[in-house]
Amino acid sequence: NRITEYNKESKTVSWFYNDHKDEKRHDVTDNVIDFITRLIIHIPDYHFLTTRYYGFYANASKKTLDKVHVLLGIKKNKDYSRETRTKALKTKLNKLKYRTHLIDSFNRDPIQCKCKAT
């Protein structure tokens, strides 16, 4: 989405990036081969594990993130507190138990059942 123009005749690609040091937009025009070379650098090697979430976004730092939201006065879109997640997990497990009991009642051996076998 940062590519602004591609010229087939001159084989050039125009694109931009925002420099985080000075917060300015830089427009760049590169040869197609140079552009692909720069782009390939960002593709990780096969079987290379990348860290998806780190810092405040890591699962281990939810309490810290909650404190940051409170200090900054930011309202969260969703409640990610441990209590809410535990309650949701218990509800999910109770549904699983109900289903398991229901299935077990139909698969029960007639010898173990106290009702009369025909």
N, C-alpha and C. Protein backbone atom coordinates (compact mmCIF):
# COMPACT_ATOMS: atom_id res chain seq x y z
N ASN A 1 0.81 -1.20 0.00
CA ASN A 1 0.00 0.00 0.00
C ASN A 1 0.86 1.27 0.00
N ARG A 2 2.18 1.11 0.12
CA ARG A 2 3.05 2.28 0.09
C ARG A 2 3.62 2.57 -1.30
N ILE A 3 3.32 1.70 -2.24
CA ILE A 3 3.77 1.93 -3.61
C ILE A 3 2.85 2.97 -4.24
N THR A 4 3.44 4.04 -4.73
CA THR A 4 2.64 5.12 -5.31
C THR A 4 2.57 5.05 -6.83
N GLU A 5 3.63 4.49 -7.45
CA GLU A 5 3.64 4.44 -8.91
C GLU A 5 4.59 3.35 -9.40
N TYR A 6 4.19 2.71 -10.49
CA TYR A 6 5.05 1.73 -11.15
C TYR A 6 5.11 2.12 -12.62
N ASN A 7 6.31 2.32 -13.16
CA ASN A 7 6.50 2.70 -14.55
C ASN A 7 7.13 1.54 -15.30
N LYS A 8 6.37 0.94 -16.22
CA LYS A 8 6.87 -0.21 -16.99
C LYS A 8 7.99 0.19 -17.94
N GLU A 9 7.87 1.33 -18.56
CA GLU A 9 8.83 1.74 -19.58
C GLU A 9 10.21 2.00 -18.98
N SER A 10 10.26 2.73 -17.87
CA SER A 10 11.55 3.02 -17.26
C SER A 10 11.93 1.99 -16.19
N LYS A 11 11.03 1.05 -15.92
CA LYS A 11 11.24 -0.02 -14.93
C LYS A 11 11.63 0.56 -13.57
N THR A 12 10.78 1.47 -13.09
CA THR A 12 11.01 2.08 -11.78
C THR A 12 9.77 1.94 -10.91
N VAL A 13 9.99 1.92 -9.61
CA VAL A 13 8.91 1.85 -8.64
C VAL A 13 9.05 3.06 -7.71
N SER A 14 7.97 3.79 -7.54
CA SER A 14 7.96 4.92 -6.61
C SER A 14 7.19 4.49 -5.37
N TRP A 15 7.77 4.72 -4.20
CA TRP A 15 7.16 4.35 -2.95
C TRP A 15 7.58 5.34 -1.86
N PHE A 16 6.96 5.24 -0.71
CA PHE A 16 7.29 6.17 0.37
C PHE A 16 7.40 5.42 1.69
N TYR A 17 8.06 6.07 2.64
CA TYR A 17 8.11 5.57 4.02
C TYR A 17 8.14 6.76 4.96
N ASN A 18 7.69 6.52 6.18
CA ASN A 18 7.70 7.56 7.21
C ASN A 18 8.85 7.28 8.15
N ASP A 19 9.78 8.22 8.24
CA ASP A 19 10.94 8.07 9.12
C ASP A 19 10.50 8.40 10.54
N HIS A 20 10.74 7.47 11.46
CA HIS A 20 10.32 7.67 12.84
C HIS A 20 11.24 8.61 13.61
N LYS A 21 12.40 8.88 13.08
CA LYS A 21 13.33 9.79 13.75
C LYS A 21 12.87 11.24 13.65
N ASP A 22 12.51 11.65 12.43
CA ASP A 22 12.08 13.04 12.25
C ASP A 22 10.60 13.17 11.86
N GLU A 23 9.87 12.04 11.82
CA GLU A 23 8.44 12.03 11.51
C GLU A 23 8.11 12.70 10.19
N LYS A 24 8.97 12.49 9.20
CA LYS A 24 8.72 13.06 7.87
C LYS A 24 8.51 11.93 6.86
N ARG A 25 7.75 12.25 5.83
CA ARG A 25 7.52 11.30 4.75
C ARG A 25 8.65 11.45 3.74
N HIS A 26 9.21 10.31 3.33
CA HIS A 26 10.27 10.30 2.33
C HIS A 26 9.77 9.53 1.11
N ASP A 27 9.78 10.18 -0.05
CA ASP A 27 9.41 9.55 -1.31
C ASP A 27 10.66 9.03 -1.99
N VAL A 28 10.60 7.76 -2.45
CA VAL A 28 11.76 7.11 -3.05
C VAL A 28 11.35 6.55 -4.40
N THR A 29 12.23 6.68 -5.38
CA THR A 29 12.04 6.05 -6.69
C THR A 29 13.25 5.15 -6.93
N ASP A 30 12.96 3.85 -7.08
CA ASP A 30 14.02 2.85 -7.24
C ASP A 30 13.84 2.08 -8.53
N ASN A 31 14.92 1.50 -8.97
CA ASN A 31 14.90 0.52 -10.04
C ASN A 31 14.11 -0.69 -9.51
N VAL A 32 13.44 -1.41 -10.37
CA VAL A 32 12.62 -2.55 -9.95
C VAL A 32 13.46 -3.58 -9.20
N ILE A 33 14.63 -3.90 -9.70
CA ILE A 33 15.50 -4.89 -9.07
C ILE A 33 15.93 -4.42 -7.68
N ASP A 34 16.28 -3.14 -7.54
CA ASP A 34 16.66 -2.61 -6.23
C ASP A 34 15.49 -2.64 -5.25
N PHE A 35 14.30 -2.33 -5.76
CA PHE A 35 13.11 -2.35 -4.91
C PHE A 35 12.84 -3.77 -4.40
N ILE A 36 12.91 -4.75 -5.28
CA ILE A 36 12.67 -6.14 -4.88
C ILE A 36 13.74 -6.59 -3.88
N THR A 37 14.98 -6.15 -4.09
CA THR A 37 16.07 -6.49 -3.16
C THR A 37 15.77 -5.92 -1.77
N ARG A 38 15.31 -4.69 -1.71
CA ARG A 38 14.97 -4.09 -0.43
C ARG A 38 13.77 -4.77 0.21
N LEU A 39 12.85 -5.20 -0.61
CA LEU A 39 11.64 -5.84 -0.10
C LEU A 39 11.94 -7.24 0.44
N ILE A 40 12.78 -7.98 -0.23
CA ILE A 40 13.10 -9.36 0.17
C ILE A 40 13.80 -9.42 1.52
N ILE A 41 14.50 -8.38 1.89
CA ILE A 41 15.20 -8.36 3.18
C ILE A 41 14.23 -8.58 4.33
N HIS A 42 12.98 -8.14 4.19
CA HIS A 42 12.00 -8.21 5.27
C HIS A 42 11.27 -9.55 5.35
N ILE A 43 11.51 -10.46 4.43
CA ILE A 43 10.87 -11.77 4.46
C ILE A 43 11.73 -12.68 5.33
N PRO A 44 11.17 -13.26 6.41
CA PRO A 44 11.97 -14.12 7.28
C PRO A 44 12.33 -15.44 6.60
N ASP A 45 13.43 -16.04 7.05
CA ASP A 45 13.87 -17.32 6.51
C ASP A 45 12.86 -18.41 6.86
N TYR A 46 12.94 -19.51 6.12
CA TYR A 46 12.08 -20.65 6.35
C TYR A 46 12.36 -21.21 7.75
N HIS A 47 11.34 -21.51 8.50
CA HIS A 47 11.41 -22.02 9.87
C HIS A 47 11.94 -20.99 10.86
N PHE A 48 12.01 -19.72 10.49
CA PHE A 48 12.45 -18.69 11.42
C PHE A 48 11.26 -18.25 12.26
N LEU A 49 11.37 -18.36 13.57
CA LEU A 49 10.27 -18.00 14.46
C LEU A 49 10.36 -16.53 14.81
N THR A 50 9.27 -15.82 14.59
CA THR A 50 9.24 -14.41 14.92
C THR A 50 8.40 -14.21 16.17
N THR A 51 8.72 -13.20 16.92
CA THR A 51 7.95 -12.86 18.11
C THR A 51 6.75 -12.03 17.66
N ARG A 52 5.57 -12.56 17.90
CA ARG A 52 4.39 -11.87 17.42
C ARG A 52 4.00 -10.72 18.33
N TYR A 53 3.95 -10.98 19.61
CA TYR A 53 3.57 -9.94 20.56
C TYR A 53 4.65 -9.83 21.63
N TYR A 54 5.06 -8.64 21.92
CA TYR A 54 6.05 -8.41 22.95
C TYR A 54 5.74 -7.08 23.62
N GLY A 55 6.38 -6.83 24.74
CA GLY A 55 6.13 -5.58 25.45
C GLY A 55 4.76 -5.58 26.09
N PHE A 56 4.02 -4.49 25.94
CA PHE A 56 2.69 -4.39 26.53
C PHE A 56 1.70 -5.36 25.91
N TYR A 57 1.94 -5.79 24.70
CA TYR A 57 0.98 -6.64 24.01
C TYR A 57 1.17 -8.13 24.29
N ALA A 58 2.19 -8.49 25.04
CA ALA A 58 2.42 -9.89 25.39
C ALA A 58 1.34 -10.36 26.36
N ASN A 59 1.01 -11.65 26.28
CA ASN A 59 -0.02 -12.19 27.17
C ASN A 59 0.39 -12.12 28.63
N ALA A 60 1.68 -12.19 28.90
CA ALA A 60 2.16 -12.19 30.27
C ALA A 60 2.03 -10.83 30.94
N SER A 61 1.85 -9.76 30.18
CA SER A 61 1.82 -8.42 30.76
C SER A 61 0.42 -7.79 30.72
N LYS A 62 -0.62 -8.59 30.86
CA LYS A 62 -1.98 -8.04 30.83
C LYS A 62 -2.24 -7.13 32.03
N LYS A 63 -1.70 -7.50 33.20
CA LYS A 63 -1.91 -6.67 34.39
C LYS A 63 -1.25 -5.30 34.20
N THR A 64 -0.05 -5.30 33.63
CA THR A 64 0.65 -4.04 33.38
C THR A 64 -0.13 -3.20 32.38
N LEU A 65 -0.65 -3.83 31.35
CA LEU A 65 -1.42 -3.11 30.35
C LEU A 65 -2.70 -2.52 30.95
N ASP A 66 -3.34 -3.27 31.86
CA ASP A 66 -4.53 -2.74 32.54
C ASP A 66 -4.18 -1.49 33.34
N LYS A 67 -3.04 -1.51 34.02
CA LYS A 67 -2.61 -0.35 34.80
C LYS A 67 -2.33 0.84 33.90
N VAL A 68 -1.72 0.60 32.75
CA VAL A 68 -1.44 1.67 31.79
C VAL A 68 -2.73 2.29 31.29
N HIS A 69 -3.74 1.46 30.99
CA HIS A 69 -5.03 1.98 30.55
C HIS A 69 -5.67 2.85 31.63
N VAL A 70 -5.57 2.42 32.88
CA VAL A 70 -6.16 3.20 33.98
C VAL A 70 -5.43 4.54 34.12
N LEU A 71 -4.08 4.50 34.07
CA LEU A 71 -3.31 5.73 34.23
C LEU A 71 -3.55 6.73 33.10
N LEU A 72 -3.71 6.23 31.89
CA LEU A 72 -3.92 7.11 30.75
C LEU A 72 -5.40 7.48 30.56
N GLY A 73 -6.27 6.80 31.29
CA GLY A 73 -7.69 7.09 31.17
C GLY A 73 -8.28 6.60 29.86
N ILE A 74 -7.74 5.53 29.33
CA ILE A 74 -8.21 4.96 28.06
C ILE A 74 -9.24 3.89 28.36
N LYS A 75 -10.38 3.98 27.70
CA LYS A 75 -11.40 2.96 27.85
C LYS A 75 -11.11 1.83 26.87
N LYS A 76 -11.06 0.61 27.39
CA LYS A 76 -10.78 -0.54 26.55
C LYS A 76 -12.04 -0.95 25.79
N ASN A 77 -11.87 -1.45 24.58
CA ASN A 77 -13.00 -1.91 23.78
C ASN A 77 -13.56 -3.22 24.33
N LYS A 78 -12.68 -4.03 24.93
CA LYS A 78 -13.09 -5.33 25.42
C LYS A 78 -12.43 -5.54 26.78
N ASP A 79 -13.12 -6.22 27.67
CA ASP A 79 -12.57 -6.47 29.00
C ASP A 79 -11.66 -7.69 28.94
N TYR A 80 -10.36 -7.47 29.12
CA TYR A 80 -9.39 -8.54 29.06
C TYR A 80 -8.90 -8.96 30.45
N SER A 81 -9.63 -8.60 31.49
CA SER A 81 -9.17 -8.91 32.84
C SER A 81 -9.16 -10.42 33.05
N ARG A 82 -8.34 -10.84 34.01
CA ARG A 82 -8.19 -12.27 34.29
C ARG A 82 -9.53 -12.86 34.75
N GLU A 83 -10.29 -12.10 35.52
CA GLU A 83 -11.57 -12.60 36.02
C GLU A 83 -12.53 -12.89 34.86
N THR A 84 -12.59 -11.99 33.90
CA THR A 84 -13.48 -12.17 32.76
C THR A 84 -13.05 -13.37 31.92
N ARG A 85 -11.75 -13.50 31.70
CA ARG A 85 -11.26 -14.64 30.91
C ARG A 85 -11.49 -15.96 31.63
N THR A 86 -11.32 -15.98 32.96
CA THR A 86 -11.56 -17.20 33.74
C THR A 86 -13.04 -17.58 33.71
N LYS A 87 -13.91 -16.59 33.84
CA LYS A 87 -15.35 -16.85 33.79
C LYS A 87 -15.76 -17.41 32.43
N ALA A 88 -15.22 -16.85 31.36
CA ALA A 88 -15.54 -17.34 30.01
C ALA A 88 -15.04 -18.77 29.82
N LEU A 89 -13.87 -19.08 30.37
CA LEU A 89 -13.32 -20.43 30.25
C LEU A 89 -14.17 -21.43 31.01
N LYS A 90 -14.63 -21.05 32.22
CA LYS A 90 -15.48 -21.95 33.01
C LYS A 90 -16.80 -22.21 32.29
N THR A 91 -17.38 -21.18 31.69
CA THR A 91 -18.62 -21.34 30.94
C THR A 91 -18.42 -22.30 29.78
N LYS A 92 -17.28 -22.15 29.10
CA LYS A 92 -16.98 -23.03 27.97
C LYS A 92 -16.81 -24.47 28.43
N LEU A 93 -16.13 -24.67 29.56
CA LEU A 93 -15.92 -26.02 30.09
C LEU A 93 -17.23 -26.64 30.57
N ASN A 94 -18.12 -25.83 31.16
CA ASN A 94 -19.41 -26.35 31.60
C ASN A 94 -20.24 -26.83 30.42
N LYS A 95 -20.19 -26.10 29.30
CA LYS A 95 -20.89 -26.54 28.10
C LYS A 95 -20.32 -27.86 27.60
N LEU A 96 -19.00 -27.98 27.68
CA LEU A 96 -18.34 -29.21 27.26
C LEU A 96 -18.76 -30.36 28.16
N LYS A 97 -18.85 -30.11 29.47
CA LYS A 97 -19.27 -31.16 30.40
C LYS A 97 -20.69 -31.60 30.10
N TYR A 98 -21.58 -30.64 29.83
CA TYR A 98 -22.97 -30.97 29.53
C TYR A 98 -23.05 -31.85 28.28
N ARG A 99 -22.31 -31.45 27.25
CA ARG A 99 -22.29 -32.23 26.02
C ARG A 99 -21.74 -33.63 26.26
N THR A 100 -20.66 -33.70 27.04
CA THR A 100 -20.04 -34.99 27.32
C THR A 100 -21.00 -35.89 28.08
N HIS A 101 -21.71 -35.35 29.08
CA HIS A 101 -22.67 -36.15 29.83
C HIS A 101 -23.82 -36.61 28.95
N LEU A 102 -24.26 -35.76 28.07
CA LEU A 102 -25.36 -36.12 27.17
C LEU A 102 -24.94 -37.25 26.23
N ILE A 103 -23.75 -37.14 25.68
CA ILE A 103 -23.25 -38.19 24.79
C ILE A 103 -23.06 -39.48 25.56
N ASP A 104 -22.51 -39.38 26.76
CA ASP A 104 -22.30 -40.58 27.57
C ASP A 104 -23.60 -41.26 27.92
N SER A 105 -24.68 -40.50 28.13
CA SER A 105 -25.96 -41.10 28.49
C SER A 105 -26.52 -41.94 27.34
N PHE A 106 -26.24 -41.56 26.10
CA PHE A 106 -26.72 -42.34 24.96
C PHE A 106 -25.80 -43.51 24.63
N ASN A 107 -24.54 -43.41 25.00
CA ASN A 107 -23.58 -44.48 24.70
C ASN A 107 -23.39 -45.43 25.88
N ARG A 108 -24.21 -45.33 26.91
CA ARG A 108 -24.05 -46.12 28.12
C ARG A 108 -24.38 -47.58 27.85
N ASP A 109 -23.66 -48.47 28.50
CA ASP A 109 -23.86 -49.91 28.40
C ASP A 109 -25.16 -50.27 29.15
N PRO A 110 -26.07 -51.05 28.56
CA PRO A 110 -27.34 -51.37 29.24
C PRO A 110 -27.14 -52.13 30.54
N ILE A 111 -26.03 -52.80 30.74
CA ILE A 111 -25.77 -53.52 31.98
C ILE A 111 -25.54 -52.53 33.11
N GLN A 112 -24.87 -51.40 32.80
CA GLN A 112 -24.59 -50.40 33.83
C GLN A 112 -25.83 -49.56 34.13
N CYS A 113 -26.77 -49.50 33.23
CA CYS A 113 -27.96 -48.70 33.41
C CYS A 113 -28.91 -49.40 34.38
N LYS A 114 -29.55 -48.67 35.27
CA LYS A 114 -30.44 -49.24 36.26
C LYS A 114 -31.82 -49.55 35.68
N CYS A 115 -32.06 -49.09 34.45
CA CYS A 115 -33.37 -49.36 33.86
C CYS A 115 -33.42 -50.79 33.32
N LYS A 116 -34.62 -51.29 33.00
CA LYS A 116 -34.78 -52.64 32.51
C LYS A 116 -34.29 -52.74 31.08
N ALA A 117 -33.51 -53.77 30.80
CA ALA A 117 -33.03 -54.01 29.44
C ALA A 117 -34.03 -54.89 28.73
N THR A 118 -34.31 -54.61 27.49
CA THR A 118 -35.29 -55.39 26.76
C THR A 118 -34.66 -56.52 26.01
